[in-house]
Amino acid sequence: MATILPDRNRMWRRSWLLFSQAVTVAVAVLFVVLTFKPDWLPRGGLRRLPAPTLLEMAAPPARGANGPNRADAGGSFALAARRAAPAVVSITATKMGPRNPHADDPRFKFFFGDGDADTQQIGLGSGVIVSPEGYLLTNQHVVAGATEIEVQLADGRSTSATLVGSDPETDIAVLRIALSPLPVIAFGDVRALQVGDAVLAIGNPFNVGQTVTAGIVSALDRQQADSSPFQHFIQTDAAINPGNSGGALVDARGALVGINTAIYSASGGSLGIGFAVPVDTARTVMEALVRGGHVRRGWIGVVPRDLSAELAESLSLPLKDGVLITGVLRNGPAARGGVRPGDVVLQVSGQPVHDSGELIAAVAALAPGTRATLQLQRGSQQVQVQVQVAERQAAQDGR
């Protein structure tokens, strides 16, 4: 027997059916408009969100609103390049080559003329303006032995430069130019730099003109086998080529974090392994050169070695941290102060040292002519000795 629904229920079902059909049609229309005619929608309406860029997905979270990993919208580093590039200059260094041994021979003059007996050698590099007073940072090898140094700014101005001083130990040189006004680069914070951070290399490779290349920090505190103990490089895969030497390595904000110095290459071109002197090292050297014309470093005449747990156990030492002294220069400052081979240096003038690098840095920071207190572990006892600090020479052995 069929049940007859009341008129009220029949009207409710019909109303619900009409409502659902209207909603379906409205959603379909909105989808078509949003897909094919989004400009028909009013401003402030629905908008398609941009997909994240590869850089945004790969980069670690920015350290603050203007952290070193933060790029422009869309992953561009154009703003960083605009900030840093005006302060990067091209350097032309002129050197006098060796005199021809036959220059005074009349027969030589007959065939080759009375031209200049000396030959000129032209070297090309880059530099970075770091002070409104006209001070520039570059590499020592760019200007070594130069008789004339010409600097060309990114804005087209050109002028001669004077050499304030250079430091072969770190391959840093300071120049000065007499122009005003000058674009000045901002110093970055190397301590905040991490492996994987984006960096830009700016310079004048192969004399083609100012060029910006991008990459990441590949490694920190990198040392080469034949390098000075004071050279701890930033390694990057940003393309660095001949002519980039002395140029700027900057972070994603355009702040200076290093001075491009060397490449690893068998062909002379970039293989994605470049090295830069950290800016804190370059800045310390610059301040010393501006203040006194050269860098003075402390020296005590010891040969250090990192103390490992196995080495400490084999020597029956009651500690596993410090720097083992494996050799002491005869009649050197350390020997006169009572330091012996086998001693472990724990502190230098109250500053703890945990490895050879820290010991070298702590001793180098001592003013020559002053006395320093060394805290030593000698067997099962701790002793203190006073050492008269000497001045380290560029090619001096020991620390």
Protein backbone atom coordinates (compact mmCIF):
# COMPACT_ATOMS: atom_id res chain seq x y z
CA MET A 1 0.00 0.00 0.00
CA ALA A 2 1.61 3.28 -1.11
CA THR A 3 2.18 6.04 1.41
CA ILE A 4 1.19 9.50 0.32
CA LEU A 5 3.61 12.19 1.65
CA PRO A 6 2.09 15.36 2.98
CA ASP A 7 2.30 18.45 0.79
CA ARG A 8 4.67 20.06 3.27
CA ASN A 9 7.33 17.33 2.86
CA ARG A 10 6.99 17.38 -0.91
CA MET A 11 7.63 21.14 -1.01
CA TRP A 12 10.71 20.77 1.25
CA ARG A 13 12.30 18.19 -1.05
CA ARG A 14 11.63 20.33 -4.10
CA SER A 15 13.19 23.42 -2.44
CA TRP A 16 16.32 21.48 -1.40
CA LEU A 17 16.69 20.10 -4.94
CA LEU A 18 16.51 23.59 -6.45
CA PHE A 19 19.05 24.97 -3.90
CA SER A 20 21.59 22.21 -4.55
CA GLN A 21 21.29 22.65 -8.32
CA ALA A 22 21.80 26.42 -7.99
CA VAL A 23 24.92 25.98 -5.83
CA THR A 24 26.36 23.46 -8.29
CA VAL A 25 25.83 25.82 -11.22
CA ALA A 26 27.33 28.78 -9.29
CA VAL A 27 30.46 26.83 -8.35
CA ALA A 28 30.88 25.66 -11.94
CA VAL A 29 30.56 29.23 -13.25
CA LEU A 30 33.06 30.54 -10.68
CA PHE A 31 35.54 27.82 -11.61
CA VAL A 32 35.27 28.66 -15.32
CA VAL A 33 35.71 32.40 -14.67
CA LEU A 34 38.62 31.88 -12.29
CA THR A 35 40.36 29.59 -14.80
CA PHE A 36 39.80 31.42 -18.08
CA LYS A 37 38.86 35.04 -17.14
CA PRO A 38 40.36 35.85 -13.72
CA ASP A 39 40.41 39.56 -14.63
CA TRP A 40 36.58 39.56 -14.47
CA LEU A 41 36.81 39.14 -10.71
CA PRO A 42 36.83 42.32 -8.58
CA ARG A 43 40.17 43.51 -7.05
CA GLY A 44 40.75 41.88 -3.69
CA GLY A 45 38.82 38.79 -4.75
CA LEU A 46 40.17 35.30 -5.16
CA ARG A 47 43.73 35.15 -6.48
CA ARG A 48 45.92 32.23 -7.44
CA LEU A 49 48.87 32.01 -5.03
CA PRO A 50 52.29 31.87 -6.71
CA ALA A 51 54.07 28.55 -6.43
CA PRO A 52 57.21 28.62 -4.25
CA THR A 53 60.46 28.92 -6.17
CA LEU A 54 63.18 26.27 -5.97
CA LEU A 55 65.32 28.72 -4.00
CA GLU A 56 62.58 29.29 -1.43
CA MET A 57 62.03 25.56 -1.02
CA ALA A 58 65.74 24.74 -0.74
CA ALA A 59 66.96 27.62 1.41
CA PRO A 60 67.00 27.28 5.21
CA PRO A 61 64.82 29.70 7.19
CA ALA A 62 66.07 33.27 7.07
CA ARG A 63 67.82 34.51 10.22
CA GLY A 64 65.69 37.61 10.76
CA ALA A 65 63.84 39.77 8.27
CA ASN A 66 67.07 40.67 6.49
CA GLY A 67 68.98 37.47 7.14
CA PRO A 68 71.83 36.45 4.85
CA ASN A 69 69.64 33.81 3.15
CA ARG A 70 66.90 36.21 2.14
CA ALA A 71 66.66 37.09 -1.56
CA ASP A 72 64.36 39.36 -3.53
CA ALA A 73 60.89 38.23 -4.49
CA GLY A 74 61.11 35.36 -6.94
CA GLY A 75 64.56 34.27 -5.73
CA SER A 76 66.44 37.07 -7.49
CA PHE A 77 69.64 38.55 -6.06
CA ALA A 78 69.35 41.74 -8.10
CA LEU A 79 69.02 43.91 -4.98
CA ALA A 80 72.17 42.41 -3.45
CA ALA A 81 74.07 43.00 -6.69
CA ARG A 82 72.84 46.61 -6.90
CA ARG A 83 73.98 47.26 -3.34
CA ALA A 84 77.45 45.73 -3.68
CA ALA A 85 78.50 46.20 -7.31
CA PRO A 86 79.13 49.99 -7.22
CA ALA A 87 81.84 49.48 -4.58
CA VAL A 88 83.73 46.82 -6.60
CA VAL A 89 86.49 48.25 -8.80
CA SER A 90 88.85 47.02 -11.51
CA ILE A 91 92.58 47.27 -10.82
CA THR A 92 95.35 47.51 -13.39
CA ALA A 93 98.83 47.03 -11.91
CA THR A 94 101.85 47.92 -14.04
CA LYS A 95 105.17 46.26 -13.25
CA MET A 96 108.55 46.68 -14.85
CA GLY A 97 109.84 43.42 -16.26
CA PRO A 98 113.46 42.27 -16.28
CA ARG A 99 115.92 44.36 -18.29
CA ASN A 100 117.19 42.76 -21.48
CA PRO A 101 120.87 41.86 -20.92
CA HIS A 102 121.69 42.94 -24.52
CA ALA A 103 119.99 46.33 -24.26
CA ASP A 104 123.30 48.23 -24.27
CA ASP A 105 124.81 46.23 -27.13
CA PRO A 106 125.14 48.45 -30.26
CA ARG A 107 124.31 45.49 -32.51
CA PHE A 108 121.12 44.86 -30.51
CA LYS A 109 120.15 48.53 -30.88
CA PHE A 110 120.88 48.36 -34.62
CA PHE A 111 118.42 45.54 -35.15
CA PHE A 112 115.83 46.34 -32.46
CA GLY A 113 116.09 50.10 -32.07
CA ASP A 114 116.57 52.36 -29.06
CA GLY A 115 113.22 51.63 -27.49
CA ASP A 116 112.70 51.23 -23.78
CA ALA A 117 115.04 48.52 -22.60
CA ASP A 118 112.65 47.59 -19.81
CA THR A 119 109.43 45.73 -20.53
CA GLN A 120 106.12 46.48 -18.87
CA GLN A 121 103.95 43.75 -17.42
CA ILE A 122 100.28 44.48 -16.92
CA GLY A 123 98.34 42.68 -14.21
CA LEU A 124 94.55 42.78 -13.85
CA GLY A 125 92.48 42.26 -10.73
CA SER A 126 89.64 43.65 -8.65
CA GLY A 127 89.19 45.53 -5.39
CA VAL A 128 86.49 46.64 -2.96
CA ILE A 129 85.90 50.12 -1.57
CA VAL A 130 85.39 49.74 2.18
CA SER A 131 85.75 53.30 3.47
CA PRO A 132 84.50 56.75 2.42
CA GLU A 133 88.08 57.94 3.03
CA GLY A 134 89.11 55.99 -0.06
CA TYR A 135 90.52 52.75 1.38
CA LEU A 136 90.25 49.63 -0.80
CA LEU A 137 90.80 45.95 -0.06
CA THR A 138 92.41 43.71 -2.67
CA ASN A 139 94.88 40.83 -2.88
CA GLN A 140 98.58 41.26 -2.22
CA HIS A 141 99.44 39.20 -5.30
CA VAL A 142 97.45 41.60 -7.51
CA VAL A 143 99.65 44.62 -6.69
CA ALA A 144 102.93 42.99 -5.58
CA GLY A 145 105.86 44.82 -7.15
CA ALA A 146 103.64 47.26 -9.04
CA THR A 147 105.09 50.63 -10.03
CA GLU A 148 101.72 52.06 -11.04
CA ILE A 149 98.24 51.10 -9.87
CA GLU A 150 95.17 52.30 -11.78
CA VAL A 151 91.67 51.91 -10.35
CA GLN A 152 88.49 52.12 -12.43
CA LEU A 153 85.18 52.48 -10.63
CA ALA A 154 81.92 50.93 -11.76
CA ASP A 155 80.57 54.41 -12.57
CA GLY A 156 83.34 54.98 -15.11
CA ARG A 157 85.67 57.16 -13.04
CA SER A 158 89.35 56.26 -13.10
CA THR A 159 92.24 57.29 -10.86
CA SER A 160 95.64 56.18 -9.63
CA ALA A 161 95.97 54.46 -6.25
CA THR A 162 98.67 54.38 -3.62
CA LEU A 163 99.65 51.22 -1.76
CA VAL A 164 99.05 51.66 1.98
CA GLY A 165 100.49 48.26 2.83
CA SER A 166 100.23 44.53 2.20
CA ASP A 167 100.34 41.29 4.17
CA PRO A 168 101.72 38.21 2.37
CA GLU A 169 100.55 35.94 5.20
CA THR A 170 96.88 36.56 4.34
CA ASP A 171 97.36 37.83 0.74
CA ILE A 172 95.60 41.09 1.64
CA ALA A 173 96.63 44.56 0.46
CA VAL A 174 95.15 47.99 1.17
CA LEU A 175 95.04 50.75 -1.43
CA ARG A 176 93.86 54.33 -1.19
CA ILE A 177 92.33 56.57 -3.82
CA ALA A 178 91.56 60.30 -3.70
CA LEU A 179 88.03 60.51 -5.08
CA SER A 180 84.78 61.71 -3.57
CA PRO A 181 82.02 60.74 -3.16
CA LEU A 182 82.65 57.01 -3.09
CA PRO A 183 80.27 54.04 -2.93
CA VAL A 184 81.13 51.97 0.15
CA ILE A 185 80.23 48.33 0.70
CA ALA A 186 78.78 47.15 4.01
CA PHE A 187 80.62 44.53 6.08
CA GLY A 188 78.81 41.25 6.68
CA ASP A 189 78.95 38.86 9.62
CA VAL A 190 81.14 35.87 8.79
CA ARG A 191 80.21 34.19 12.08
CA ALA A 192 76.62 33.88 10.85
CA LEU A 193 77.68 32.34 7.53
CA GLN A 194 76.75 28.69 7.05
CA VAL A 195 77.52 26.04 4.49
CA GLY A 196 74.73 26.26 1.91
CA ASP A 197 74.20 30.02 2.23
CA ALA A 198 73.85 31.83 -1.08
CA VAL A 199 76.75 34.13 -2.07
CA LEU A 200 77.70 36.31 -5.04
CA ALA A 201 81.20 36.81 -6.46
CA ILE A 202 81.74 40.24 -8.07
CA GLY A 203 84.82 41.21 -10.03
CA ASN A 204 86.40 41.71 -13.45
CA PRO A 205 87.23 38.23 -14.80
CA PHE A 206 89.44 38.11 -17.91
CA ASN A 207 89.01 41.91 -18.16
CA VAL A 208 85.55 41.50 -19.73
CA GLY A 209 84.04 44.03 -17.33
CA GLN A 210 82.28 43.81 -14.01
CA THR A 211 80.60 40.43 -13.65
CA VAL A 212 78.37 38.89 -10.97
CA THR A 213 78.24 35.12 -10.45
CA ALA A 214 76.14 33.23 -7.92
CA GLY A 215 76.72 30.12 -5.84
CA ILE A 216 76.70 28.85 -2.30
CA VAL A 217 79.16 28.52 0.55
CA SER A 218 80.72 25.11 -0.08
CA ALA A 219 82.88 24.95 3.05
CA LEU A 220 84.20 27.13 5.86
CA ASP A 221 87.61 27.35 7.56
CA ARG A 222 89.26 25.68 4.60
CA GLN A 223 93.08 25.46 4.53
CA GLN A 224 95.41 24.48 1.71
CA ALA A 225 98.52 22.39 2.27
CA ASP A 226 100.93 25.11 1.16
CA SER A 227 99.05 28.07 2.62
CA SER A 228 99.95 30.29 5.55
CA PRO A 229 98.67 29.23 8.99
CA PHE A 230 96.69 32.48 9.01
CA GLN A 231 94.76 31.61 5.85
CA HIS A 232 91.40 30.02 6.60
CA PHE A 233 89.31 30.36 3.46
CA ILE A 234 85.63 30.44 2.62
CA GLN A 235 85.14 27.92 -0.20
CA THR A 236 82.43 28.66 -2.77
CA ASP A 237 81.21 27.27 -6.10
CA ALA A 238 80.41 30.76 -7.44
CA ALA A 239 82.47 31.12 -10.64
CA ILE A 240 85.80 32.84 -9.84
CA ASN A 241 88.26 33.34 -12.69
CA PRO A 242 91.53 35.22 -13.27
CA GLY A 243 90.76 38.90 -12.76
CA ASN A 244 88.33 38.18 -9.91
CA SER A 245 91.24 38.24 -7.44
CA GLY A 246 90.63 40.96 -4.86
CA GLY A 247 86.94 41.21 -5.70
CA ALA A 248 83.98 40.88 -3.38
CA LEU A 249 82.22 37.80 -2.08
CA VAL A 250 78.88 39.04 -0.73
CA ASP A 251 75.88 37.47 0.95
CA ALA A 252 72.29 37.66 -0.28
CA ARG A 253 71.89 41.12 1.30
CA GLY A 254 74.89 42.51 -0.58
CA ALA A 255 77.15 42.66 2.50
CA LEU A 256 80.85 41.81 2.14
CA VAL A 257 81.79 38.43 3.64
CA GLY A 258 85.06 37.70 1.83
CA ILE A 259 87.79 38.83 -0.59
CA ASN A 260 88.07 36.44 -3.55
CA THR A 261 91.62 35.13 -3.62
CA ALA A 262 92.25 31.84 -5.42
CA ILE A 263 90.77 29.05 -7.50
CA TYR A 264 91.51 25.37 -7.80
CA SER A 265 92.05 24.74 -11.50
CA ALA A 266 94.29 22.85 -13.89
CA SER A 267 93.22 24.94 -16.90
CA GLY A 268 93.14 28.43 -15.38
CA GLY A 269 89.34 28.63 -15.57
CA SER A 270 86.72 28.13 -12.89
CA LEU A 271 85.97 24.57 -11.85
CA GLY A 272 83.53 25.55 -9.14
CA ILE A 273 86.14 25.56 -6.36
CA GLY A 274 87.01 29.10 -5.32
CA PHE A 275 88.48 30.51 -2.13
CA ALA A 276 87.95 33.83 -0.36
CA VAL A 277 89.63 35.41 2.67
CA PRO A 278 86.96 35.96 5.37
CA VAL A 279 86.13 39.63 5.79
CA ASP A 280 86.90 39.66 9.52
CA THR A 281 90.48 38.59 8.74
CA ALA A 282 90.73 41.17 5.95
CA ARG A 283 89.35 43.89 8.20
CA THR A 284 91.82 43.14 11.01
CA VAL A 285 94.71 43.21 8.54
CA MET A 286 93.44 46.46 7.01
CA GLU A 287 93.24 48.19 10.39
CA ALA A 288 96.83 47.14 11.19
CA LEU A 289 98.11 48.31 7.79
CA VAL A 290 96.35 51.67 8.03
CA ARG A 291 97.62 52.14 11.57
CA GLY A 292 101.25 51.16 11.07
CA GLY A 293 101.92 50.15 7.48
CA HIS A 294 102.48 46.49 8.30
CA VAL A 295 101.00 43.69 10.40
CA ARG A 296 102.84 42.72 13.58
CA ARG A 297 102.19 39.23 14.92
CA GLY A 298 103.43 37.54 18.04
CA TRP A 299 105.74 34.51 17.90
CA ILE A 300 107.10 32.22 20.62
CA GLY A 301 108.85 29.47 18.63
CA VAL A 302 106.96 26.22 19.19
CA VAL A 303 105.70 23.41 16.95
CA PRO A 304 102.12 22.53 17.96
CA ARG A 305 99.96 19.48 17.34
CA ASP A 306 96.30 18.85 18.10
CA LEU A 307 95.85 16.62 21.14
CA SER A 308 93.58 13.67 20.36
CA ALA A 309 92.07 11.32 22.93
CA GLU A 310 94.29 8.48 21.71
CA LEU A 311 97.42 10.62 21.95
CA ALA A 312 96.52 11.80 25.45
CA GLU A 313 95.99 8.20 26.55
CA SER A 314 99.30 7.05 25.07
CA LEU A 315 101.11 9.87 26.94
CA SER A 316 99.19 9.15 30.16
CA LEU A 317 97.85 12.69 30.29
CA PRO A 318 94.90 13.42 32.62
CA LEU A 319 93.09 15.50 29.98
CA LYS A 320 91.83 15.18 26.43
CA ASP A 321 91.79 18.83 25.31
CA GLY A 322 94.62 21.22 24.53
CA VAL A 323 97.59 21.65 22.18
CA LEU A 324 100.59 19.35 22.44
CA ILE A 325 104.00 20.98 21.95
CA THR A 326 106.08 18.57 19.85
CA GLY A 327 109.05 20.91 19.36
CA VAL A 328 110.58 24.03 20.89
CA LEU A 329 112.99 26.24 18.95
CA ARG A 330 116.38 26.41 20.65
CA ASN A 331 116.96 29.81 22.26
CA GLY A 332 113.50 30.92 21.10
CA PRO A 333 111.05 32.82 23.34
CA ALA A 334 109.26 29.66 24.51
CA ALA A 335 112.52 27.83 25.27
CA ARG A 336 113.81 30.77 27.30
CA GLY A 337 110.50 30.88 29.17
CA GLY A 338 110.70 27.21 30.18
CA VAL A 339 108.35 25.52 27.68
CA ARG A 340 109.36 21.92 26.95
CA PRO A 341 108.44 19.37 24.29
CA GLY A 342 105.60 17.25 25.62
CA ASP A 343 103.90 20.16 27.39
CA VAL A 344 100.23 20.74 26.60
CA VAL A 345 99.14 24.38 26.25
CA LEU A 346 95.79 25.01 27.92
CA GLN A 347 95.65 28.82 27.95
CA VAL A 348 97.50 31.78 26.44
CA SER A 349 97.19 34.91 28.60
CA GLY A 350 93.95 33.58 30.07
CA GLN A 351 92.47 32.58 26.69
CA PRO A 352 91.68 28.85 26.41
CA VAL A 353 93.06 27.07 23.34
CA HIS A 354 91.65 23.77 22.12
CA ASP A 355 93.54 23.14 18.88
CA SER A 356 96.56 24.32 16.91
CA GLY A 357 94.57 26.93 15.01
CA GLU A 358 93.42 28.60 18.21
CA LEU A 359 96.98 28.55 19.61
CA ILE A 360 98.36 30.16 16.44
CA ALA A 361 95.67 32.85 16.50
CA ALA A 362 96.14 33.54 20.22
CA VAL A 363 99.93 33.86 19.91
CA ALA A 364 99.68 36.00 16.76
CA ALA A 365 97.35 38.39 18.59
CA LEU A 366 99.99 39.03 21.28
CA ALA A 367 101.89 42.29 20.92
CA PRO A 368 105.60 41.70 20.24
CA GLY A 369 107.74 42.79 23.16
CA THR A 370 105.12 41.98 25.79
CA ARG A 371 105.11 39.08 28.26
CA ALA A 372 102.48 36.36 28.04
CA THR A 373 101.46 33.72 30.58
CA LEU A 374 101.09 30.17 29.30
CA GLN A 375 99.04 27.66 31.31
CA LEU A 376 100.58 24.22 30.69
CA GLN A 377 99.83 20.63 31.55
CA ARG A 378 103.16 18.92 32.28
CA GLY A 379 102.61 15.28 33.07
CA SER A 380 100.22 15.15 36.01
CA GLN A 381 100.81 18.78 37.05
CA GLN A 382 99.68 22.15 35.78
CA VAL A 383 102.32 24.87 35.59
CA GLN A 384 102.51 28.48 34.43
CA VAL A 385 105.41 30.02 32.53
CA GLN A 386 106.15 33.57 31.40
CA VAL A 387 107.23 34.05 27.78
CA GLN A 388 108.68 37.19 26.20
CA VAL A 389 106.80 37.48 22.90
CA ALA A 390 108.86 38.12 19.75
CA GLU A 391 107.67 39.37 16.36
CA ARG A 392 106.88 36.78 13.74
CA GLN A 393 108.55 37.14 10.37
CA ALA A 394 106.69 36.20 7.19
CA ALA A 395 108.71 33.07 6.43
CA GLN A 396 109.44 32.09 10.02
CA ASP A 397 108.98 28.49 11.12
CA GLY A 398 107.23 27.60 14.34
CA ARG A 399 104.47 29.54 16.10
